[in-house]
Amino acid sequence: MERVLCVHFQNVVQSMIRKTLHIILFVAVGFFTPLFGQSASGEISNSNTQLQDQGGIYIPNAFTPNGDGVNDEFYLTHADFSRFTISIFDRWGNQVYKNTDVDFRWNGDRGNDPVPSGTYVYVIEATTRKGEAIRRSGTVSVMR
């Protein structure tokens, strides 16, 4: 089953007369109808955008575990698996984190000690509810 999230953008309109450039960052998979322009007569035009679900998960590439309450944890969104394991390694190949709970939240600590800022490798091995095996690997940057 393909997961689709519906997000409605409201009040994201500025006059085309002012020639304002808008950049919309999509942080979810789904079907979007962002408003992007208003003519001199007040008519609003829009465009539909479809973002594809890449294997059922969104994996961020950085987080900032500095205690400010914003982006303090590394975690997955849109993940729905019957089996799941994530392992995170430092640049020397030492495992700094491992979890089998798909709802994990890594705060950038190895045990009780914070890992230094840097790039870490993650390996995700999972099985979807349909029985499809998924393996993803990549990097995540810890920025303190």
Protein backbone atom coordinates (compact mmCIF):
# COMPACT_ATOMS: atom_id res chain seq x y z
CA MET A 1 0.00 0.00 0.00
CA GLU A 2 1.48 3.34 -1.01
CA ARG A 3 1.43 5.90 1.74
CA VAL A 4 0.34 9.35 0.68
CA LEU A 5 0.25 12.35 2.95
CA CYS A 6 -1.91 15.29 2.01
CA VAL A 7 -0.73 18.74 2.98
CA HIS A 8 -2.63 21.92 2.19
CA PHE A 9 -0.62 25.11 1.79
CA GLN A 10 -2.57 28.22 2.69
CA ASN A 11 -1.52 31.82 2.58
CA VAL A 12 1.68 31.05 0.65
CA VAL A 13 0.85 33.63 -1.98
CA GLN A 14 2.69 36.82 -2.80
CA SER A 15 1.99 39.17 -5.65
CA MET A 16 3.76 38.30 -8.90
CA ILE A 17 4.09 42.07 -9.39
CA ARG A 18 6.72 42.14 -6.63
CA LYS A 19 8.58 39.35 -8.45
CA THR A 20 9.19 37.46 -5.23
CA LEU A 21 10.92 34.09 -5.48
CA HIS A 22 9.37 31.39 -3.30
CA ILE A 23 11.10 28.21 -2.29
CA ILE A 24 8.93 25.56 -0.69
CA LEU A 25 10.70 22.74 1.10
CA PHE A 26 8.68 19.54 1.09
CA VAL A 27 9.39 17.50 4.19
CA ALA A 28 6.81 14.83 3.57
CA VAL A 29 5.92 12.43 0.81
CA GLY A 30 2.58 12.96 -0.86
CA PHE A 31 0.48 15.08 -3.16
CA PHE A 32 0.70 18.83 -2.75
CA THR A 33 -1.05 21.82 -4.23
CA PRO A 34 1.10 24.80 -3.30
CA LEU A 35 -0.18 28.24 -4.24
CA PHE A 36 2.52 30.05 -6.11
CA GLY A 37 1.25 33.18 -7.79
CA GLN A 38 -1.33 35.94 -7.93
CA SER A 39 -1.99 38.02 -11.01
CA ALA A 40 -2.58 41.78 -11.00
CA SER A 41 -6.33 41.06 -11.19
CA GLY A 42 -6.10 38.91 -8.05
CA GLU A 43 -6.43 35.55 -9.78
CA ILE A 44 -4.44 32.85 -8.02
CA SER A 45 -2.70 30.14 -10.00
CA ASN A 46 -1.42 26.89 -8.56
CA SER A 47 0.51 23.81 -9.50
CA ASN A 48 0.27 20.21 -8.37
CA THR A 49 3.42 18.40 -7.26
CA GLN A 50 3.74 14.68 -6.59
CA LEU A 51 6.61 13.52 -4.39
CA GLN A 52 7.35 9.82 -4.60
CA ASP A 53 7.77 7.56 -1.63
CA GLN A 54 11.28 6.07 -1.81
CA GLY A 55 10.99 2.71 -0.11
CA GLY A 56 8.56 3.89 2.55
CA ILE A 57 11.00 5.96 4.59
CA TYR A 58 12.39 9.46 4.76
CA ILE A 59 15.94 9.59 6.12
CA PRO A 60 17.35 12.96 7.16
CA ASN A 61 21.02 13.66 6.46
CA ALA A 62 21.82 15.87 9.47
CA PHE A 63 20.64 16.85 12.94
CA THR A 64 21.74 19.21 15.68
CA PRO A 65 21.62 17.63 19.16
CA ASN A 66 22.37 20.85 21.01
CA GLY A 67 19.40 20.87 23.39
CA ASP A 68 17.53 23.78 21.79
CA GLY A 69 14.45 21.62 21.14
CA VAL A 70 14.79 21.91 17.35
CA ASN A 71 16.11 19.00 15.29
CA ASP A 72 17.76 17.44 18.38
CA GLU A 73 17.21 13.81 17.36
CA PHE A 74 17.82 11.58 14.35
CA TYR A 75 14.76 9.49 13.47
CA LEU A 76 12.79 8.20 10.52
CA THR A 77 9.38 9.28 9.38
CA HIS A 78 6.89 7.31 7.31
CA ALA A 79 8.42 3.98 8.30
CA ASP A 80 6.12 0.98 8.69
CA PHE A 81 7.99 -2.30 8.95
CA SER A 82 7.42 -5.72 10.47
CA ARG A 83 11.16 -6.06 11.20
CA PHE A 84 13.65 -3.23 11.61
CA THR A 85 17.27 -2.65 12.65
CA ILE A 86 19.35 0.51 12.43
CA SER A 87 23.07 0.61 13.19
CA ILE A 88 25.16 3.78 13.23
CA PHE A 89 28.96 3.78 12.93
CA ASP A 90 31.68 6.37 13.37
CA ARG A 91 34.31 7.00 10.69
CA TRP A 92 36.51 4.22 12.07
CA GLY A 93 33.74 1.64 11.81
CA ASN A 94 32.93 1.51 15.53
CA GLN A 95 29.25 1.02 16.22
CA VAL A 96 27.97 3.99 18.22
CA TYR A 97 24.25 3.18 18.17
CA LYS A 98 21.92 0.27 17.40
CA ASN A 99 18.16 -0.09 17.75
CA THR A 100 15.47 -2.50 16.57
CA ASP A 101 12.52 -0.18 17.28
CA VAL A 102 11.27 1.59 14.14
CA ASP A 103 10.19 4.49 16.38
CA PHE A 104 13.76 5.03 17.67
CA ARG A 105 15.14 8.50 18.31
CA TRP A 106 18.92 8.86 18.46
CA ASN A 107 20.02 11.89 20.45
CA GLY A 108 23.63 11.73 19.27
CA ASP A 109 24.94 9.90 22.31
CA ARG A 110 26.99 6.73 22.53
CA GLY A 111 25.77 5.34 25.81
CA ASN A 112 25.73 8.41 28.06
CA ASP A 113 28.47 10.29 26.19
CA PRO A 114 27.77 12.64 23.28
CA VAL A 115 29.50 11.74 20.04
CA PRO A 116 31.57 14.53 18.48
CA SER A 117 30.32 16.54 15.54
CA GLY A 118 30.99 14.72 12.31
CA THR A 119 29.62 12.35 9.71
CA TYR A 120 28.31 8.93 10.72
CA VAL A 121 27.28 5.97 8.59
CA TYR A 122 23.89 4.34 9.11
CA VAL A 123 22.76 0.92 7.92
CA ILE A 124 19.06 0.11 7.94
CA GLU A 125 17.81 -3.42 7.41
CA ALA A 126 14.07 -3.89 7.43
CA THR A 127 11.19 -5.96 6.16
CA THR A 128 8.00 -4.29 4.96
CA ARG A 129 4.56 -5.50 5.99
CA LYS A 130 4.38 -7.07 2.49
CA GLY A 131 7.54 -9.10 3.19
CA GLU A 132 9.87 -7.03 1.00
CA ALA A 133 13.44 -6.79 2.32
CA ILE A 134 14.87 -3.28 2.41
CA ARG A 135 18.46 -2.27 3.03
CA ARG A 136 19.48 1.36 3.07
CA SER A 137 22.79 2.92 4.00
CA GLY A 138 24.06 6.44 3.96
CA THR A 139 25.46 9.16 6.12
CA VAL A 140 24.07 11.48 8.76
CA SER A 141 25.91 14.53 10.05
CA VAL A 142 25.90 15.36 13.74
CA MET A 143 26.28 19.12 14.11
CA ARG A 144 26.75 20.34 17.67
